[in-house]
Protein backbone atom coordinates (compact mmCIF):
# COMPACT_ATOMS: atom_id res chain seq x y z
CA MET A 1 75.92 138.08 112.67
CA THR A 2 79.01 136.02 113.81
CA PRO A 3 82.27 137.44 112.12
CA GLU A 4 84.46 135.43 110.16
CA VAL A 5 87.67 134.23 111.54
CA THR A 6 90.86 133.00 109.91
CA VAL A 7 92.53 129.91 111.68
CA ARG A 8 95.74 128.44 110.72
CA GLY A 9 96.94 124.85 112.05
CA LEU A 10 97.38 121.14 111.50
CA LEU A 11 94.33 119.01 110.77
CA THR A 12 93.59 115.74 112.74
CA ALA A 13 91.04 113.42 113.06
CA VAL A 14 88.55 113.53 116.08
CA ASP A 15 86.15 110.73 115.24
CA TRP A 16 86.00 107.78 113.46
CA TYR A 17 83.81 105.16 111.89
CA ALA A 18 83.79 101.43 113.16
CA ASP A 19 86.40 100.53 110.39
CA GLY A 20 88.81 103.04 111.88
CA THR A 21 88.08 105.40 108.82
CA ALA A 22 88.16 109.06 109.87
CA ARG A 23 84.94 110.79 109.87
CA ARG A 24 85.28 114.24 111.69
CA VAL A 25 88.28 116.51 111.99
CA ALA A 26 89.85 119.37 113.78
CA VAL A 27 92.61 122.08 113.54
CA LEU A 28 95.12 122.26 116.12
CA THR A 29 96.78 125.80 116.29
CA PRO A 30 100.27 126.67 117.31
CA ASP A 31 98.79 128.30 120.42
CA GLU A 32 97.45 125.07 121.39
CA ARG A 33 93.51 125.80 120.52
CA GLU A 34 91.54 123.06 118.94
CA TYR A 35 88.42 123.97 116.55
CA GLU A 36 86.49 121.07 115.52
CA VAL A 37 85.11 121.38 111.95
CA GLU A 38 81.24 121.13 111.86
CA PRO A 39 80.14 118.19 109.72
CA GLY A 40 79.15 118.70 106.11
CA GLU A 41 80.88 119.28 102.63
CA MET A 42 83.86 121.21 103.95
CA CYS A 43 84.52 118.51 106.65
CA ARG A 44 84.17 115.72 103.78
CA LYS A 45 86.87 117.82 101.86
CA LEU A 46 89.18 118.29 104.72
CA LEU A 47 89.34 114.61 105.52
CA LEU A 48 91.51 114.45 102.36
CA HIS A 49 94.03 116.39 104.05
CA LEU A 50 94.69 114.84 107.52
CA ARG A 51 97.91 115.72 108.94
CA GLY A 52 98.38 118.67 106.63
CA GLU A 53 98.65 122.36 107.49
CA VAL A 54 95.94 124.41 106.26
CA ILE A 55 94.11 128.02 106.61
CA LEU A 56 90.56 127.79 107.39
CA ARG A 57 88.13 130.78 107.16
CA GLY A 58 84.81 130.38 108.64
CA THR A 59 82.39 131.02 111.84
CA VAL A 60 83.17 129.78 115.43
CA HIS A 61 80.48 128.61 117.52
CA SER A 62 81.00 127.52 121.25
CA THR A 63 79.47 124.14 121.83
CA GLY A 64 79.68 123.59 125.62
CA ASP A 65 83.45 123.26 126.33
CA ARG A 66 84.41 123.03 122.52
CA GLN A 67 84.88 125.48 119.79
CA ALA A 68 83.27 124.43 116.49
CA LEU A 69 84.22 125.93 113.34
CA ARG A 70 81.99 126.30 110.38
CA VAL A 71 84.18 126.44 107.51
CA THR A 72 83.63 128.60 104.51
CA SER A 73 86.88 128.29 102.57
CA PHE A 74 90.22 126.56 103.38
CA ARG A 75 93.80 126.41 101.75
CA VAL A 76 96.15 123.59 102.14
CA LEU A 77 99.70 124.70 102.73
CA PRO A 78 102.63 123.10 101.08
CA ASP A 79 104.77 120.78 102.88
CA GLU A 80 107.83 122.20 104.14
CA VAL A 81 111.26 120.49 103.70
């Protein structure tokens, strides 16, 4: 069984529909790692928080040269002023 990890970072769009609407997201961490969120319910929920800082919990899977994150839970961090 793959252990769960916690990842903190900024949500960004990585794939779009033809009309320019975001369809997939990734989290960019302070140490410059990028984890693409696997498609599904959690990805759809995270689309509402683009450019926000989040803490994600889930399992990481390598897909070629990319790291995919199957999110089991997340928390949106408050904006800092």
